[in-house]
Every structure is written in C-alpha cells, then in structure tokens.
C-alpha cells in the first residue's frame, strides 16, 4: 500500500519537472480569465478517499479551471 508520504514525494518531483520546463505555451487569449494568467504558475492537488489533501506547487494560488471543469462535471 502506498503511503501519503510517497504520494507527496511523487507530487513534489512532478512539480520540480514542470518548473524545469521552458516552453509552457501561451494562455488562451480569447478567454478573459486566462488571458492574464502567468504560464509559469503550476499546482497539483490530490484528495485521498479519507479526505486527506496532498499538494505541490502553488496550491494556495487561485486558478481558473476552465475546461478541466468539464471533466469534473
């Protein structure tokens, strides 16, 4: 069984890899909420089935989830 510390370590390594990427693309300019977003921002959060939340990156920064919300709904 994977422990929370192992998952947190995976998230931290993932965050470090993303931060090292030079080309993150350009935010969609036709969506006002995204047009002003810094493409260097990154965060990932995982909510475990017991309610434990694990984060990496700028998880305290509010993000617009736009198209990701379609997957969630």
PDB file of N, CA and C in Angstrom:
ATOM      1  N   UNK A   1       0.841  -1.186   0.000  1.00  0.00           N
ATOM      2  CA  UNK A   1       0.000   0.000   0.000  1.00  0.00           C
ATOM      3  C   UNK A   1       0.883   1.246   0.000  1.00  0.00           C
ATOM      4  N   UNK A   2       0.545   2.194  -0.844  1.00  0.00           N
ATOM      5  CA  UNK A   2       1.316   3.439  -0.930  1.00  0.00           C
ATOM      6  C   UNK A   2       0.936   4.347   0.236  1.00  0.00           C
ATOM      7  N   UNK A   3       1.943   4.912   0.877  1.00  0.00           N
ATOM      8  CA  UNK A   3       1.711   5.836   1.980  1.00  0.00           C
ATOM      9  C   UNK A   3       1.582   7.257   1.444  1.00  0.00           C
ATOM     10  N   UNK A   4       0.944   8.128   2.218  1.00  0.00           N
ATOM     11  CA  UNK A   4       0.761   9.517   1.814  1.00  0.00           C
ATOM     12  C   UNK A   4       2.095  10.204   1.552  1.00  0.00           C
ATOM     13  N   UNK A   5       3.116   9.858   2.340  1.00  0.00           N
ATOM     14  CA  UNK A   5       4.425  10.493   2.141  1.00  0.00           C
ATOM     15  C   UNK A   5       5.002  10.139   0.771  1.00  0.00           C
ATOM     16  N   UNK A   6       4.739   8.921   0.308  1.00  0.00           N
ATOM     17  CA  UNK A   6       5.218   8.522  -1.021  1.00  0.00           C
ATOM     18  C   UNK A   6       4.502   9.309  -2.112  1.00  0.00           C
ATOM     19  N   UNK A   7       3.198   9.483  -1.954  1.00  0.00           N
ATOM     20  CA  UNK A   7       2.426  10.258  -2.933  1.00  0.00           C
ATOM     21  C   UNK A   7       2.879  11.711  -2.911  1.00  0.00           C
ATOM     22  N   UNK A   8       3.093  12.273  -1.728  1.00  0.00           N
ATOM     23  CA  UNK A   8       3.560  13.657  -1.624  1.00  0.00           C
ATOM     24  C   UNK A   8       4.911  13.808  -2.312  1.00  0.00           C
ATOM     25  N   UNK A   9       5.790  12.845  -2.150  1.00  0.00           N
ATOM     26  CA  UNK A   9       7.098  12.885  -2.826  1.00  0.00           C
ATOM     27  C   UNK A   9       6.935  12.851  -4.345  1.00  0.00           C
ATOM     28  N   UNK A  10       6.013  12.036  -4.832  1.00  0.00           N
ATOM     29  CA  UNK A  10       5.746  11.973  -6.273  1.00  0.00           C
ATOM     30  C   UNK A  10       5.255  13.331  -6.771  1.00  0.00           C
ATOM     31  N   UNK A  11       4.340  13.946  -6.030  1.00  0.00           N
ATOM     32  CA  UNK A  11       3.816  15.257  -6.420  1.00  0.00           C
ATOM     33  C   UNK A  11       4.920  16.306  -6.441  1.00  0.00           C
ATOM     34  N   UNK A  12       5.797  16.279  -5.455  1.00  0.00           N
ATOM     35  CA  UNK A  12       6.907  17.239  -5.407  1.00  0.00           C
ATOM     36  C   UNK A  12       7.861  17.044  -6.585  1.00  0.00           C
ATOM     37  N   UNK A  13       8.138  15.799  -6.944  1.00  0.00           N
ATOM     38  CA  UNK A  13       9.013  15.538  -8.101  1.00  0.00           C
ATOM     39  C   UNK A  13       8.343  16.000  -9.392  1.00  0.00           C
ATOM     40  N   UNK A  14       7.050  15.770  -9.497  1.00  0.00           N
ATOM     41  CA  UNK A  14       6.293  16.220 -10.659  1.00  0.00           C
ATOM     42  C   UNK A  14       6.346  17.745 -10.762  1.00  0.00           C
ATOM     43  N   UNK A  15       6.136  18.425  -9.656  1.00  0.00           N
ATOM     44  CA  UNK A  15       6.211  19.886  -9.624  1.00  0.00           C
ATOM     45  C   UNK A  15       7.587  20.365 -10.071  1.00  0.00           C
ATOM     46  N   UNK A  16       8.644  19.725  -9.600  1.00  0.00           N
ATOM     47  CA  UNK A  16      10.006  20.123  -9.982  1.00  0.00           C
ATOM     48  C   UNK A  16      10.223  19.943 -11.484  1.00  0.00           C
ATOM     49  N   UNK A  17       9.708  18.864 -12.051  1.00  0.00           N
ATOM     50  CA  UNK A  17       9.842  18.636 -13.504  1.00  0.00           C
ATOM     51  C   UNK A  17       9.115  19.711 -14.292  1.00  0.00           C
ATOM     52  N   UNK A  18       7.917  20.049 -13.856  1.00  0.00           N
ATOM     53  CA  UNK A  18       7.139  21.064 -14.567  1.00  0.00           C
ATOM     54  C   UNK A  18       7.837  22.416 -14.474  1.00  0.00           C
ATOM     55  N   UNK A  19       8.358  22.763 -13.308  1.00  0.00           N
ATOM     56  CA  UNK A  19       9.058  24.046 -13.147  1.00  0.00           C
ATOM     57  C   UNK A  19      10.274  24.138 -14.057  1.00  0.00           C
ATOM     58  N   UNK A  20      10.899  23.009 -14.364  1.00  0.00           N
ATOM     59  CA  UNK A  20      12.075  22.994 -15.228  1.00  0.00           C
ATOM     60  C   UNK A  20      11.737  23.164 -16.704  1.00  0.00           C
ATOM     61  N   UNK A  21      10.482  22.967 -17.077  1.00  0.00           N
ATOM     62  CA  UNK A  21      10.080  23.113 -18.482  1.00  0.00           C
ATOM     63  C   UNK A  21      10.186  24.577 -18.908  1.00  0.00           C
ATOM     64  N   UNK A  22      10.826  24.808 -20.045  1.00  0.00           N
ATOM     65  CA  UNK A  22      10.994  26.174 -20.543  1.00  0.00           C
ATOM     66  C   UNK A  22       9.775  26.651 -21.327  1.00  0.00           C
ATOM     67  N   UNK A  23       9.210  25.793 -22.159  1.00  0.00           N
ATOM     68  CA  UNK A  23       8.084  26.187 -23.003  1.00  0.00           C
ATOM     69  C   UNK A  23       6.791  25.636 -22.430  1.00  0.00           C
ATOM     70  N   UNK A  24       6.013  26.516 -21.844  1.00  0.00           N
ATOM     71  CA  UNK A  24       4.735  26.100 -21.262  1.00  0.00           C
ATOM     72  C   UNK A  24       3.561  26.548 -22.115  1.00  0.00           C
ATOM     73  N   UNK A  25       3.863  27.064 -23.293  1.00  0.00           N
ATOM     74  CA  UNK A  25       2.789  27.513 -24.165  1.00  0.00           C
ATOM     75  C   UNK A  25       2.311  28.905 -23.798  1.00  0.00           C
ATOM     76  N   UNK A  26       1.190  29.290 -24.383  1.00  0.00           N
ATOM     77  CA  UNK A  26       0.613  30.621 -24.174  1.00  0.00           C
ATOM     78  C   UNK A  26      -0.825  30.441 -23.705  1.00  0.00           C
ATOM     79  N   UNK A  27      -1.216  31.122 -22.638  1.00  0.00           N
ATOM     80  CA  UNK A  27      -2.615  31.021 -22.195  1.00  0.00           C
ATOM     81  C   UNK A  27      -3.565  31.495 -23.294  1.00  0.00           C
ATOM     82  N   UNK A  28      -4.736  30.909 -23.348  1.00  0.00           N
ATOM     83  CA  UNK A  28      -5.751  31.283 -24.346  1.00  0.00           C
ATOM     84  C   UNK A  28      -6.101  32.765 -24.190  1.00  0.00           C
ATOM     85  N   UNK A  29      -5.890  33.525 -25.238  1.00  0.00           N
ATOM     86  CA  UNK A  29      -6.153  34.965 -25.196  1.00  0.00           C
ATOM     87  C   UNK A  29      -7.632  35.286 -25.392  1.00  0.00           C
ATOM     88  N   UNK A  30      -8.399  34.353 -25.951  1.00  0.00           N
ATOM     89  CA  UNK A  30      -9.819  34.586 -26.207  1.00  0.00           C
ATOM     90  C   UNK A  30     -10.691  34.316 -24.982  1.00  0.00           C
ATOM     91  N   UNK A  31     -10.085  33.842 -23.907  1.00  0.00           N
ATOM     92  CA  UNK A  31     -10.807  33.633 -22.644  1.00  0.00           C
ATOM     93  C   UNK A  31     -10.268  34.655 -21.652  1.00  0.00           C
ATOM     94  N   UNK A  32     -11.056  35.688 -21.337  1.00  0.00           N
ATOM     95  CA  UNK A  32     -10.560  36.778 -20.473  1.00  0.00           C
ATOM     96  C   UNK A  32      -9.922  36.297 -19.172  1.00  0.00           C
ATOM     97  N   UNK A  33     -10.490  35.294 -18.560  1.00  0.00           N
ATOM     98  CA  UNK A  33      -9.978  34.785 -17.288  1.00  0.00           C
ATOM     99  C   UNK A  33      -8.570  34.206 -17.430  1.00  0.00           C
ATOM    100  N   UNK A  34      -8.266  33.680 -18.605  1.00  0.00           N
ATOM    101  CA  UNK A  34      -6.966  33.054 -18.840  1.00  0.00           C
ATOM    102  C   UNK A  34      -5.940  33.994 -19.470  1.00  0.00           C
ATOM    103  N   UNK A  35      -6.409  35.038 -20.143  1.00  0.00           N
ATOM    104  CA  UNK A  35      -5.515  35.919 -20.902  1.00  0.00           C
ATOM    105  C   UNK A  35      -4.414  36.538 -20.044  1.00  0.00           C
ATOM    106  N   UNK A  36      -4.681  36.749 -18.780  1.00  0.00           N
ATOM    107  CA  UNK A  36      -3.711  37.406 -17.891  1.00  0.00           C
ATOM    108  C   UNK A  36      -2.974  36.446 -16.963  1.00  0.00           C
ATOM    109  N   UNK A  37      -3.125  35.163 -17.200  1.00  0.00           N
ATOM    110  CA  UNK A  37      -2.502  34.163 -16.328  1.00  0.00           C
ATOM    111  C   UNK A  37      -1.018  34.011 -16.657  1.00  0.00           C
ATOM    112  N   UNK A  38      -0.222  33.918 -15.626  1.00  0.00           N
ATOM    113  CA  UNK A  38       1.210  33.654 -15.780  1.00  0.00           C
ATOM    114  C   UNK A  38       1.382  32.169 -16.116  1.00  0.00           C
ATOM    115  N   UNK A  39       1.912  31.845 -17.311  1.00  0.00           N
ATOM    116  CA  UNK A  39       2.040  30.434 -17.678  1.00  0.00           C
ATOM    117  C   UNK A  39       3.041  29.669 -16.807  1.00  0.00           C
ATOM    118  N   UNK A  40       3.802  30.371 -15.981  1.00  0.00           N
ATOM    119  CA  UNK A  40       4.745  29.699 -15.083  1.00  0.00           C
ATOM    120  C   UNK A  40       4.055  29.151 -13.834  1.00  0.00           C
ATOM    121  N   UNK A  41       2.800  29.523 -13.624  1.00  0.00           N
ATOM    122  CA  UNK A  41       2.078  29.010 -12.454  1.00  0.00           C
ATOM    123  C   UNK A  41       1.771  27.528 -12.646  1.00  0.00           C
ATOM    124  N   UNK A  42       1.889  26.779 -11.573  1.00  0.00           N
ATOM    125  CA  UNK A  42       1.555  25.358 -11.612  1.00  0.00           C
ATOM    126  C   UNK A  42       1.216  24.892 -10.209  1.00  0.00           C
ATOM    127  N   UNK A  43       0.209  24.052 -10.132  1.00  0.00           N
ATOM    128  CA  UNK A  43      -0.139  23.416  -8.862  1.00  0.00           C
ATOM    129  C   UNK A  43      -0.832  22.100  -9.162  1.00  0.00           C
ATOM    130  N   UNK A  44      -0.707  21.201  -8.236  1.00  0.00           N
ATOM    131  CA  UNK A  44      -1.424  19.933  -8.326  1.00  0.00           C
ATOM    132  C   UNK A  44      -1.883  19.574  -6.916  1.00  0.00           C
ATOM    133  N   UNK A  45      -3.119  19.111  -6.834  1.00  0.00           N
ATOM    134  CA  UNK A  45      -3.671  18.666  -5.552  1.00  0.00           C
ATOM    135  C   UNK A  45      -4.368  17.329  -5.759  1.00  0.00           C
ATOM    136  N   UNK A  46      -4.230  16.478  -4.778  1.00  0.00           N
ATOM    137  CA  UNK A  46      -4.878  15.171  -4.815  1.00  0.00           C
ATOM    138  C   UNK A  46      -5.628  15.005  -3.505  1.00  0.00           C
ATOM    139  N   UNK A  47      -6.910  14.686  -3.619  1.00  0.00           N
ATOM    140  CA  UNK A  47      -7.721  14.433  -2.428  1.00  0.00           C
ATOM    141  C   UNK A  47      -7.895  12.928  -2.296  1.00  0.00           C
ATOM    142  N   UNK A  48      -7.412  12.401  -1.201  1.00  0.00           N
ATOM    143  CA  UNK A  48      -7.490  10.960  -0.965  1.00  0.00           C
ATOM    144  C   UNK A  48      -8.904  10.589  -0.502  1.00  0.00           C
ATOM    145  N   UNK A  49      -9.237   9.318  -0.556  1.00  0.00           N
ATOM    146  CA  UNK A  49     -10.588   8.903  -0.193  1.00  0.00           C
ATOM    147  C   UNK A  49     -10.909   9.102   1.287  1.00  0.00           C
ATOM    148  N   UNK A  50      -9.901   9.329   2.122  1.00  0.00           N
ATOM    149  CA  UNK A  50     -10.179   9.604   3.543  1.00  0.00           C
ATOM    150  C   UNK A  50     -10.262  11.109   3.824  1.00  0.00           C
ATOM    151  N   UNK A  51     -10.163  11.936   2.759  1.00  0.00           N
ATOM    152  CA  UNK A  51     -10.263  13.383   2.911  1.00  0.00           C
ATOM    153  C   UNK A  51      -8.925  14.090   3.026  1.00  0.00           C
ATOM    154  N   UNK A  52      -7.837  13.354   3.127  1.00  0.00           N
ATOM    155  CA  UNK A  52      -6.508  13.951   3.172  1.00  0.00           C
ATOM    156  C   UNK A  52      -6.221  14.616   1.829  1.00  0.00           C
ATOM    157  N   UNK A  53      -5.735  15.855   1.863  1.00  0.00           N
ATOM    158  CA  UNK A  53      -5.396  16.583   0.647  1.00  0.00           C
ATOM    159  C   UNK A  53      -3.888  16.765   0.586  1.00  0.00           C
ATOM    160  N   UNK A  54      -3.307  16.362  -0.540  1.00  0.00           N
ATOM    161  CA  UNK A  54      -1.877  16.493  -0.768  1.00  0.00           C
ATOM    162  C   UNK A  54      -1.667  17.505  -1.883  1.00  0.00           C
ATOM    163  N   UNK A  55      -0.719  18.427  -1.711  1.00  0.00           N
ATOM    164  CA  UNK A  55      -0.488  19.496  -2.669  1.00  0.00           C
ATOM    165  C   UNK A  55       0.977  19.604  -3.034  1.00  0.00           C
ATOM    166  N   UNK A  56       1.222  20.191  -4.202  1.00  0.00           N
ATOM    167  CA  UNK A  56       2.571  20.572  -4.606  1.00  0.00           C
ATOM    168  C   UNK A  56       2.445  21.788  -5.509  1.00  0.00           C
ATOM    169  N   UNK A  57       3.501  22.565  -5.584  1.00  0.00           N
ATOM    170  CA  UNK A  57       3.474  23.771  -6.412  1.00  0.00           C
ATOM    171  C   UNK A  57       2.774  24.904  -5.696  1.00  0.00           C
ATOM    172  N   UNK A  58       2.130  25.744  -6.471  1.00  0.00           N
ATOM    173  CA  UNK A  58       1.470  26.934  -5.940  1.00  0.00           C
ATOM    174  C   UNK A  58       0.000  26.641  -5.606  1.00  0.00           C
ATOM    175  N   UNK A  59      -0.216  25.669  -4.784  1.00  0.00           N
ATOM    176  CA  UNK A  59      -1.566  25.209  -4.476  1.00  0.00           C
ATOM    177  C   UNK A  59      -2.406  26.241  -3.733  1.00  0.00           C
ATOM    178  N   UNK A  60      -1.785  27.228  -3.141  1.00  0.00           N
ATOM    179  CA  UNK A  60      -2.535  28.266  -2.432  1.00  0.00           C
ATOM    180  C   UNK A  60      -2.980  29.394  -3.375  1.00  0.00           C
ATOM    181  N   UNK A  61      -2.496  29.369  -4.611  1.00  0.00           N
ATOM    182  CA  UNK A  61      -2.853  30.383  -5.605  1.00  0.00           C
ATOM    183  C   UNK A  61      -4.169  29.983  -6.270  1.00  0.00           C
ATOM    184  N   UNK A  62      -5.145  30.898  -6.323  1.00  0.00           N
ATOM    185  CA  UNK A  62      -6.396  30.570  -7.022  1.00  0.00           C
ATOM    186  C   UNK A  62      -6.145  30.376  -8.520  1.00  0.00           C
ATOM    187  N   UNK A  63      -6.708  29.329  -9.075  1.00  0.00           N
ATOM    188  CA  UNK A  63      -6.602  29.032 -10.503  1.00  0.00           C
ATOM    189  C   UNK A  63      -7.991  28.931 -11.100  1.00  0.00           C
ATOM    190  N   UNK A  64      -8.125  29.385 -12.318  1.00  0.00           N
ATOM    191  CA  UNK A  64      -9.357  29.166 -13.073  1.00  0.00           C
ATOM    192  C   UNK A  64      -9.252  27.789 -13.719  1.00  0.00           C
ATOM    193  N   UNK A  65     -10.237  26.946 -13.490  1.00  0.00           N
ATOM    194  CA  UNK A  65     -10.124  25.586 -14.005  1.00  0.00           C
ATOM    195  C   UNK A  65     -10.713  25.417 -15.406  1.00  0.00           C
ATOM    196  N   UNK A  66     -11.448  26.364 -15.906  1.00  0.00           N
ATOM    197  CA  UNK A  66     -11.976  26.375 -17.276  1.00  0.00           C
ATOM    198  C   UNK A  66     -12.356  24.987 -17.772  1.00  0.00           C
ATOM    199  N   UNK A  67     -11.690  24.493 -18.813  1.00  0.00           N
ATOM    200  CA  UNK A  67     -12.078  23.233 -19.456  1.00  0.00           C
ATOM    201  C   UNK A  67     -11.919  22.016 -18.558  1.00  0.00           C
ATOM    202  N   UNK A  68     -11.080  22.110 -17.537  1.00  0.00           N
ATOM    203  CA  UNK A  68     -10.921  20.986 -16.619  1.00  0.00           C
ATOM    204  C   UNK A  68     -12.257  20.694 -15.921  1.00  0.00           C
ATOM    205  N   UNK A  69     -13.066  21.726 -15.734  1.00  0.00           N
ATOM    206  CA  UNK A  69     -14.345  21.536 -15.047  1.00  0.00           C
ATOM    207  C   UNK A  69     -15.281  20.623 -15.849  1.00  0.00           C
ATOM    208  N   UNK A  70     -15.113  20.558 -17.161  1.00  0.00           N
ATOM    209  CA  UNK A  70     -15.955  19.676 -17.975  1.00  0.00           C
ATOM    210  C   UNK A  70     -15.718  18.218 -17.591  1.00  0.00           C
ATOM    211  N   UNK A  71     -14.457  17.901 -17.368  1.00  0.00           N
ATOM    212  CA  UNK A  71     -14.112  16.543 -16.939  1.00  0.00           C
ATOM    213  C   UNK A  71     -14.746  16.248 -15.581  1.00  0.00           C
ATOM    214  N   UNK A  72     -14.700  17.219 -14.675  1.00  0.00           N
ATOM    215  CA  UNK A  72     -15.206  17.009 -13.323  1.00  0.00           C
ATOM    216  C   UNK A  72     -16.718  16.896 -13.278  1.00  0.00           C
ATOM    217  N   UNK A  73     -17.393  17.575 -14.185  1.00  0.00           N
ATOM    218  CA  UNK A  73     -18.860  17.540 -14.172  1.00  0.00           C
ATOM    219  C   UNK A  73     -19.368  16.361 -14.976  1.00  0.00           C
TER     220      UNK A  73
END
